[in-house]
């Protein structure tokens, strides 16, 4: 929960290794932010780095994860 607003957000942490994967993670956040408001793309609220790890703060989505959805 966001401390100030009480809104629920998801935080995605970069878990990869190397400059190529870090650049891909950054592009992912930029691409999501570029289509802000699209009904099929979660909204990105912020991005940054903490303790050497990149992160994206995004809209939290309720429901099952993609792996479970693909199994159905």
PDB file of N, CA and C in Angstrom:
ATOM      1  N   UNK A   1       0.833  -1.183   0.000  1.00  0.00           N
ATOM      2  CA  UNK A   1       0.000   0.000   0.000  1.00  0.00           C
ATOM      3  C   UNK A   1       0.868   1.233   0.000  1.00  0.00           C
ATOM      4  N   UNK A   2       0.476   2.224  -0.796  1.00  0.00           N
ATOM      5  CA  UNK A   2       1.194   3.487  -0.833  1.00  0.00           C
ATOM      6  C   UNK A   2       0.951   4.213   0.483  1.00  0.00           C
ATOM      7  N   UNK A   3       2.004   4.633   1.122  1.00  0.00           N
ATOM      8  CA  UNK A   3       1.908   5.206   2.463  1.00  0.00           C
ATOM      9  C   UNK A   3       1.010   6.436   2.501  1.00  0.00           C
ATOM     10  N   UNK A   4       1.124   7.318   1.527  1.00  0.00           N
ATOM     11  CA  UNK A   4       0.380   8.574   1.541  1.00  0.00           C
ATOM     12  C   UNK A   4      -1.068   8.391   1.094  1.00  0.00           C
ATOM     13  N   UNK A   5      -1.274   7.730  -0.039  1.00  0.00           N
ATOM     14  CA  UNK A   5      -2.619   7.642  -0.614  1.00  0.00           C
ATOM     15  C   UNK A   5      -3.406   6.415  -0.173  1.00  0.00           C
ATOM     16  N   UNK A   6      -2.716   5.379   0.291  1.00  0.00           N
ATOM     17  CA  UNK A   6      -3.393   4.142   0.638  1.00  0.00           C
ATOM     18  C   UNK A   6      -3.695   3.260  -0.562  1.00  0.00           C
ATOM     19  N   UNK A   7      -3.310   3.690  -1.751  1.00  0.00           N
ATOM     20  CA  UNK A   7      -3.560   2.914  -2.970  1.00  0.00           C
ATOM     21  C   UNK A   7      -2.653   1.683  -3.006  1.00  0.00           C
ATOM     22  N   UNK A   8      -3.146   0.620  -3.643  1.00  0.00           N
ATOM     23  CA  UNK A   8      -2.342  -0.596  -3.789  1.00  0.00           C
ATOM     24  C   UNK A   8      -1.563  -0.533  -5.090  1.00  0.00           C
ATOM     25  N   UNK A   9      -0.282  -0.822  -5.022  1.00  0.00           N
ATOM     26  CA  UNK A   9       0.594  -0.846  -6.192  1.00  0.00           C
ATOM     27  C   UNK A   9       1.406  -2.132  -6.176  1.00  0.00           C
ATOM     28  N   UNK A  10       1.884  -2.523  -7.330  1.00  0.00           N
ATOM     29  CA  UNK A  10       2.784  -3.664  -7.453  1.00  0.00           C
ATOM     30  C   UNK A  10       4.179  -3.116  -7.708  1.00  0.00           C
ATOM     31  N   UNK A  11       5.174  -3.754  -7.126  1.00  0.00           N
ATOM     32  CA  UNK A  11       6.561  -3.368  -7.371  1.00  0.00           C
ATOM     33  C   UNK A  11       7.254  -4.536  -8.050  1.00  0.00           C
ATOM     34  N   UNK A  12       7.821  -4.263  -9.216  1.00  0.00           N
ATOM     35  CA  UNK A  12       8.554  -5.278  -9.952  1.00  0.00           C
ATOM     36  C   UNK A  12      10.030  -4.956  -9.825  1.00  0.00           C
ATOM     37  N   UNK A  13      10.814  -5.932  -9.354  1.00  0.00           N
ATOM     38  CA  UNK A  13      12.249  -5.746  -9.190  1.00  0.00           C
ATOM     39  C   UNK A  13      12.989  -6.426 -10.318  1.00  0.00           C
ATOM     40  N   UNK A  14      14.056  -5.785 -10.772  1.00  0.00           N
ATOM     41  CA  UNK A  14      14.904  -6.367 -11.799  1.00  0.00           C
ATOM     42  C   UNK A  14      15.709  -7.499 -11.176  1.00  0.00           C
ATOM     43  N   UNK A  15      15.561  -8.699 -11.722  1.00  0.00           N
ATOM     44  CA  UNK A  15      16.248  -9.860 -11.170  1.00  0.00           C
ATOM     45  C   UNK A  15      17.282 -10.423 -12.136  1.00  0.00           C
ATOM     46  N   UNK A  16      17.483  -9.775 -13.252  1.00  0.00           N
ATOM     47  CA  UNK A  16      18.418 -10.278 -14.250  1.00  0.00           C
ATOM     48  C   UNK A  16      19.851  -9.874 -13.958  1.00  0.00           C
ATOM     49  N   UNK A  17      20.698 -10.172 -14.913  1.00  0.00           N
ATOM     50  CA  UNK A  17      22.119  -9.859 -14.787  1.00  0.00           C
ATOM     51  C   UNK A  17      22.610  -9.272 -16.104  1.00  0.00           C
ATOM     52  N   UNK A  18      23.475  -8.295 -16.017  1.00  0.00           N
ATOM     53  CA  UNK A  18      24.100  -7.748 -17.209  1.00  0.00           C
ATOM     54  C   UNK A  18      23.410  -6.512 -17.743  1.00  0.00           C
ATOM     55  N   UNK A  19      24.180  -5.766 -18.502  1.00  0.00           N
ATOM     56  CA  UNK A  19      23.704  -4.501 -19.051  1.00  0.00           C
ATOM     57  C   UNK A  19      22.575  -4.690 -20.056  1.00  0.00           C
ATOM     58  N   UNK A  20      22.632  -5.756 -20.851  1.00  0.00           N
ATOM     59  CA  UNK A  20      21.584  -5.989 -21.845  1.00  0.00           C
ATOM     60  C   UNK A  20      20.229  -6.220 -21.187  1.00  0.00           C
ATOM     61  N   UNK A  21      20.209  -7.046 -20.147  1.00  0.00           N
ATOM     62  CA  UNK A  21      18.944  -7.314 -19.460  1.00  0.00           C
ATOM     63  C   UNK A  21      18.461  -6.096 -18.688  1.00  0.00           C
ATOM     64  N   UNK A  22      19.381  -5.317 -18.130  1.00  0.00           N
ATOM     65  CA  UNK A  22      18.989  -4.093 -17.421  1.00  0.00           C
ATOM     66  C   UNK A  22      18.367  -3.099 -18.390  1.00  0.00           C
ATOM     67  N   UNK A  23      18.936  -2.987 -19.586  1.00  0.00           N
ATOM     68  CA  UNK A  23      18.386  -2.089 -20.605  1.00  0.00           C
ATOM     69  C   UNK A  23      17.004  -2.571 -21.048  1.00  0.00           C
ATOM     70  N   UNK A  24      16.836  -3.877 -21.154  1.00  0.00           N
ATOM     71  CA  UNK A  24      15.536  -4.430 -21.530  1.00  0.00           C
ATOM     72  C   UNK A  24      14.484  -4.118 -20.468  1.00  0.00           C
ATOM     73  N   UNK A  25      14.847  -4.231 -19.197  1.00  0.00           N
ATOM     74  CA  UNK A  25      13.937  -3.906 -18.103  1.00  0.00           C
ATOM     75  C   UNK A  25      13.533  -2.435 -18.162  1.00  0.00           C
ATOM     76  N   UNK A  26      14.503  -1.560 -18.420  1.00  0.00           N
ATOM     77  CA  UNK A  26      14.210  -0.127 -18.530  1.00  0.00           C
ATOM     78  C   UNK A  26      13.280   0.141 -19.708  1.00  0.00           C
ATOM     79  N   UNK A  27      13.517  -0.508 -20.844  1.00  0.00           N
ATOM     80  CA  UNK A  27      12.645  -0.336 -22.012  1.00  0.00           C
ATOM     81  C   UNK A  27      11.227  -0.829 -21.728  1.00  0.00           C
ATOM     82  N   UNK A  28      11.112  -1.894 -20.945  1.00  0.00           N
ATOM     83  CA  UNK A  28       9.801  -2.403 -20.581  1.00  0.00           C
ATOM     84  C   UNK A  28       8.997  -1.325 -19.849  1.00  0.00           C
ATOM     85  N   UNK A  29       9.623  -0.681 -18.878  1.00  0.00           N
ATOM     86  CA  UNK A  29       8.944   0.389 -18.141  1.00  0.00           C
ATOM     87  C   UNK A  29       8.593   1.561 -19.029  1.00  0.00           C
ATOM     88  N   UNK A  30       9.500   1.925 -19.930  1.00  0.00           N
ATOM     89  CA  UNK A  30       9.247   3.038 -20.840  1.00  0.00           C
ATOM     90  C   UNK A  30       8.106   2.713 -21.792  1.00  0.00           C
ATOM     91  N   UNK A  31       8.075   1.486 -22.296  1.00  0.00           N
ATOM     92  CA  UNK A  31       7.011   1.081 -23.226  1.00  0.00           C
ATOM     93  C   UNK A  31       5.658   1.081 -22.529  1.00  0.00           C
ATOM     94  N   UNK A  32       5.616   0.572 -21.303  1.00  0.00           N
ATOM     95  CA  UNK A  32       4.358   0.582 -20.558  1.00  0.00           C
ATOM     96  C   UNK A  32       3.896   2.006 -20.299  1.00  0.00           C
ATOM     97  N   UNK A  33       4.808   2.873 -19.923  1.00  0.00           N
ATOM     98  CA  UNK A  33       4.448   4.259 -19.650  1.00  0.00           C
ATOM     99  C   UNK A  33       3.971   4.974 -20.918  1.00  0.00           C
ATOM    100  N   UNK A  34       4.517   4.585 -22.068  1.00  0.00           N
ATOM    101  CA  UNK A  34       4.156   5.229 -23.331  1.00  0.00           C
ATOM    102  C   UNK A  34       2.721   4.951 -23.744  1.00  0.00           C
ATOM    103  N   UNK A  35       2.163   3.836 -23.296  1.00  0.00           N
ATOM    104  CA  UNK A  35       0.787   3.495 -23.653  1.00  0.00           C
ATOM    105  C   UNK A  35      -0.138   3.670 -22.446  1.00  0.00           C
ATOM    106  N   UNK A  36       0.204   4.598 -21.582  1.00  0.00           N
ATOM    107  CA  UNK A  36      -0.580   4.875 -20.379  1.00  0.00           C
ATOM    108  C   UNK A  36      -2.045   5.063 -20.737  1.00  0.00           C
ATOM    109  N   UNK A  37      -2.901   4.356 -20.034  1.00  0.00           N
ATOM    110  CA  UNK A  37      -4.335   4.466 -20.282  1.00  0.00           C
ATOM    111  C   UNK A  37      -4.891   3.372 -21.163  1.00  0.00           C
ATOM    112  N   UNK A  38      -4.036   2.556 -21.784  1.00  0.00           N
ATOM    113  CA  UNK A  38      -4.534   1.445 -22.600  1.00  0.00           C
ATOM    114  C   UNK A  38      -5.181   0.428 -21.667  1.00  0.00           C
ATOM    115  N   UNK A  39      -6.363  -0.090 -22.006  1.00  0.00           N
ATOM    116  CA  UNK A  39      -7.078  -0.980 -21.092  1.00  0.00           C
ATOM    117  C   UNK A  39      -6.394  -2.325 -20.838  1.00  0.00           C
ATOM    118  N   UNK A  40      -5.451  -2.723 -21.686  1.00  0.00           N
ATOM    119  CA  UNK A  40      -4.800  -4.025 -21.526  1.00  0.00           C
ATOM    120  C   UNK A  40      -3.367  -3.930 -21.009  1.00  0.00           C
ATOM    121  N   UNK A  41      -2.952  -2.752 -20.583  1.00  0.00           N
ATOM    122  CA  UNK A  41      -1.579  -2.558 -20.100  1.00  0.00           C
ATOM    123  C   UNK A  41      -1.633  -1.893 -18.735  1.00  0.00           C
ATOM    124  N   UNK A  42      -0.914  -2.466 -17.758  1.00  0.00           N
ATOM    125  CA  UNK A  42      -0.906  -1.860 -16.433  1.00  0.00           C
ATOM    126  C   UNK A  42      -0.158  -0.536 -16.469  1.00  0.00           C
ATOM    127  N   UNK A  43      -0.596   0.361 -15.640  1.00  0.00           N
ATOM    128  CA  UNK A  43      -0.034   1.702 -15.586  1.00  0.00           C
ATOM    129  C   UNK A  43       1.249   1.713 -14.751  1.00  0.00           C
ATOM    130  N   UNK A  44       2.267   2.406 -15.228  1.00  0.00           N
ATOM    131  CA  UNK A  44       3.522   2.569 -14.493  1.00  0.00           C
ATOM    132  C   UNK A  44       3.470   3.899 -13.763  1.00  0.00           C
ATOM    133  N   UNK A  45       3.668   3.859 -12.453  1.00  0.00           N
ATOM    134  CA  UNK A  45       3.629   5.074 -11.639  1.00  0.00           C
ATOM    135  C   UNK A  45       5.012   5.647 -11.389  1.00  0.00           C
ATOM    136  N   UNK A  46       6.023   4.811 -11.451  1.00  0.00           N
ATOM    137  CA  UNK A  46       7.373   5.290 -11.199  1.00  0.00           C
ATOM    138  C   UNK A  46       8.394   4.204 -11.452  1.00  0.00           C
ATOM    139  N   UNK A  47       9.636   4.621 -11.520  1.00  0.00           N
ATOM    140  CA  UNK A  47      10.749   3.697 -11.724  1.00  0.00           C
ATOM    141  C   UNK A  47      11.970   4.287 -11.049  1.00  0.00           C
ATOM    142  N   UNK A  48      12.902   3.434 -10.713  1.00  0.00           N
ATOM    143  CA  UNK A  48      14.118   3.919 -10.085  1.00  0.00           C
ATOM    144  C   UNK A  48      15.048   2.790  -9.728  1.00  0.00           C
ATOM    145  N   UNK A  49      15.973   3.097  -8.836  1.00  0.00           N
ATOM    146  CA  UNK A  49      16.947   2.123  -8.388  1.00  0.00           C
ATOM    147  C   UNK A  49      17.160   2.306  -6.898  1.00  0.00           C
ATOM    148  N   UNK A  50      17.227   1.205  -6.179  1.00  0.00           N
ATOM    149  CA  UNK A  50      17.487   1.241  -4.745  1.00  0.00           C
ATOM    150  C   UNK A  50      18.418   0.090  -4.395  1.00  0.00           C
ATOM    151  N   UNK A  51      19.470   0.398  -3.688  1.00  0.00           N
ATOM    152  CA  UNK A  51      20.443  -0.624  -3.292  1.00  0.00           C
ATOM    153  C   UNK A  51      20.960  -1.418  -4.481  1.00  0.00           C
ATOM    154  N   UNK A  52      21.141  -0.743  -5.608  1.00  0.00           N
ATOM    155  CA  UNK A  52      21.677  -1.387  -6.798  1.00  0.00           C
ATOM    156  C   UNK A  52      20.683  -2.215  -7.597  1.00  0.00           C
ATOM    157  N   UNK A  53      19.402  -2.173  -7.240  1.00  0.00           N
ATOM    158  CA  UNK A  53      18.378  -2.935  -7.967  1.00  0.00           C
ATOM    159  C   UNK A  53      17.359  -1.989  -8.581  1.00  0.00           C
ATOM    160  N   UNK A  54      17.097  -2.183  -9.864  1.00  0.00           N
ATOM    161  CA  UNK A  54      16.094  -1.370 -10.560  1.00  0.00           C
ATOM    162  C   UNK A  54      14.707  -1.870 -10.183  1.00  0.00           C
ATOM    163  N   UNK A  55      13.745  -0.951 -10.179  1.00  0.00           N
ATOM    164  CA  UNK A  55      12.367  -1.303  -9.840  1.00  0.00           C
ATOM    165  C   UNK A  55      11.385  -0.510 -10.680  1.00  0.00           C
ATOM    166  N   UNK A  56      10.177  -1.042 -10.822  1.00  0.00           N
ATOM    167  CA  UNK A  56       9.046  -0.365 -11.445  1.00  0.00           C
ATOM    168  C   UNK A  56       7.888  -0.416 -10.461  1.00  0.00           C
ATOM    169  N   UNK A  57       7.239   0.689 -10.206  1.00  0.00           N
ATOM    170  CA  UNK A  57       6.021   0.727  -9.400  1.00  0.00           C
ATOM    171  C   UNK A  57       4.858   0.789 -10.376  1.00  0.00           C
ATOM    172  N   UNK A  58       3.972  -0.205 -10.286  1.00  0.00           N
ATOM    173  CA  UNK A  58       2.912  -0.335 -11.271  1.00  0.00           C
ATOM    174  C   UNK A  58       1.562  -0.522 -10.601  1.00  0.00           C
ATOM    175  N   UNK A  59       0.541  -0.368 -11.394  1.00  0.00           N
ATOM    176  CA  UNK A  59      -0.827  -0.648 -10.974  1.00  0.00           C
ATOM    177  C   UNK A  59      -0.922  -2.116 -10.565  1.00  0.00           C
ATOM    178  N   UNK A  60      -1.553  -2.381  -9.441  1.00  0.00           N
ATOM    179  CA  UNK A  60      -1.753  -3.760  -9.008  1.00  0.00           C
ATOM    180  C   UNK A  60      -2.969  -4.340  -9.721  1.00  0.00           C
ATOM    181  N   UNK A  61      -2.834  -5.553 -10.213  1.00  0.00           N
ATOM    182  CA  UNK A  61      -3.920  -6.234 -10.911  1.00  0.00           C
ATOM    183  C   UNK A  61      -4.383  -7.417 -10.082  1.00  0.00           C
ATOM    184  N   UNK A  62      -5.666  -7.536  -9.937  1.00  0.00           N
ATOM    185  CA  UNK A  62      -6.243  -8.666  -9.210  1.00  0.00           C
ATOM    186  C   UNK A  62      -6.452  -9.815 -10.175  1.00  0.00           C
ATOM    187  N   UNK A  63      -6.463 -11.020  -9.646  1.00  0.00           N
ATOM    188  CA  UNK A  63      -6.733 -12.181 -10.471  1.00  0.00           C
ATOM    189  C   UNK A  63      -5.586 -13.163 -10.444  1.00  0.00           C
ATOM    190  N   UNK A  64      -5.634 -14.123 -11.364  1.00  0.00           N
ATOM    191  CA  UNK A  64      -4.610 -15.161 -11.422  1.00  0.00           C
ATOM    192  C   UNK A  64      -3.411 -14.672 -12.226  1.00  0.00           C
ATOM    193  N   UNK A  65      -2.259 -15.307 -11.982  1.00  0.00           N
ATOM    194  CA  UNK A  65      -1.069 -14.922 -12.736  1.00  0.00           C
ATOM    195  C   UNK A  65      -1.120 -15.540 -14.139  1.00  0.00           C
ATOM    196  N   UNK A  66      -0.253 -15.075 -14.997  1.00  0.00           N
ATOM    197  CA  UNK A  66      -0.267 -15.489 -16.400  1.00  0.00           C
ATOM    198  C   UNK A  66      -0.036 -16.993 -16.549  1.00  0.00           C
ATOM    199  N   UNK A  67       0.847 -17.569 -15.755  1.00  0.00           N
ATOM    200  CA  UNK A  67       1.122 -19.007 -15.855  1.00  0.00           C
ATOM    201  C   UNK A  67      -0.144 -19.827 -15.622  1.00  0.00           C
ATOM    202  N   UNK A  68      -0.914 -19.455 -14.605  1.00  0.00           N
ATOM    203  CA  UNK A  68      -2.171 -20.174 -14.331  1.00  0.00           C
ATOM    204  C   UNK A  68      -3.183 -19.936 -15.429  1.00  0.00           C
ATOM    205  N   UNK A  69      -3.208 -18.741 -15.947  1.00  0.00           N
ATOM    206  CA  UNK A  69      -4.165 -18.409 -17.024  1.00  0.00           C
ATOM    207  C   UNK A  69      -3.879 -19.231 -18.275  1.00  0.00           C
ATOM    208  N   UNK A  70      -2.600 -19.424 -18.580  1.00  0.00           N
ATOM    209  CA  UNK A  70      -2.225 -20.196 -19.762  1.00  0.00           C
ATOM    210  C   UNK A  70      -2.511 -21.690 -19.604  1.00  0.00           C
ATOM    211  N   UNK A  71      -2.533 -22.173 -18.358  1.00  0.00           N
ATOM    212  CA  UNK A  71      -2.834 -23.581 -18.111  1.00  0.00           C
ATOM    213  C   UNK A  71      -4.303 -23.910 -18.387  1.00  0.00           C
ATOM    214  N   UNK A  72      -5.191 -22.925 -18.255  1.00  0.00           N
ATOM    215  CA  UNK A  72      -6.636 -23.163 -18.400  1.00  0.00           C
ATOM    216  C   UNK A  72      -7.039 -23.463 -19.823  1.00  0.00           C
TER     217      UNK A  72
END
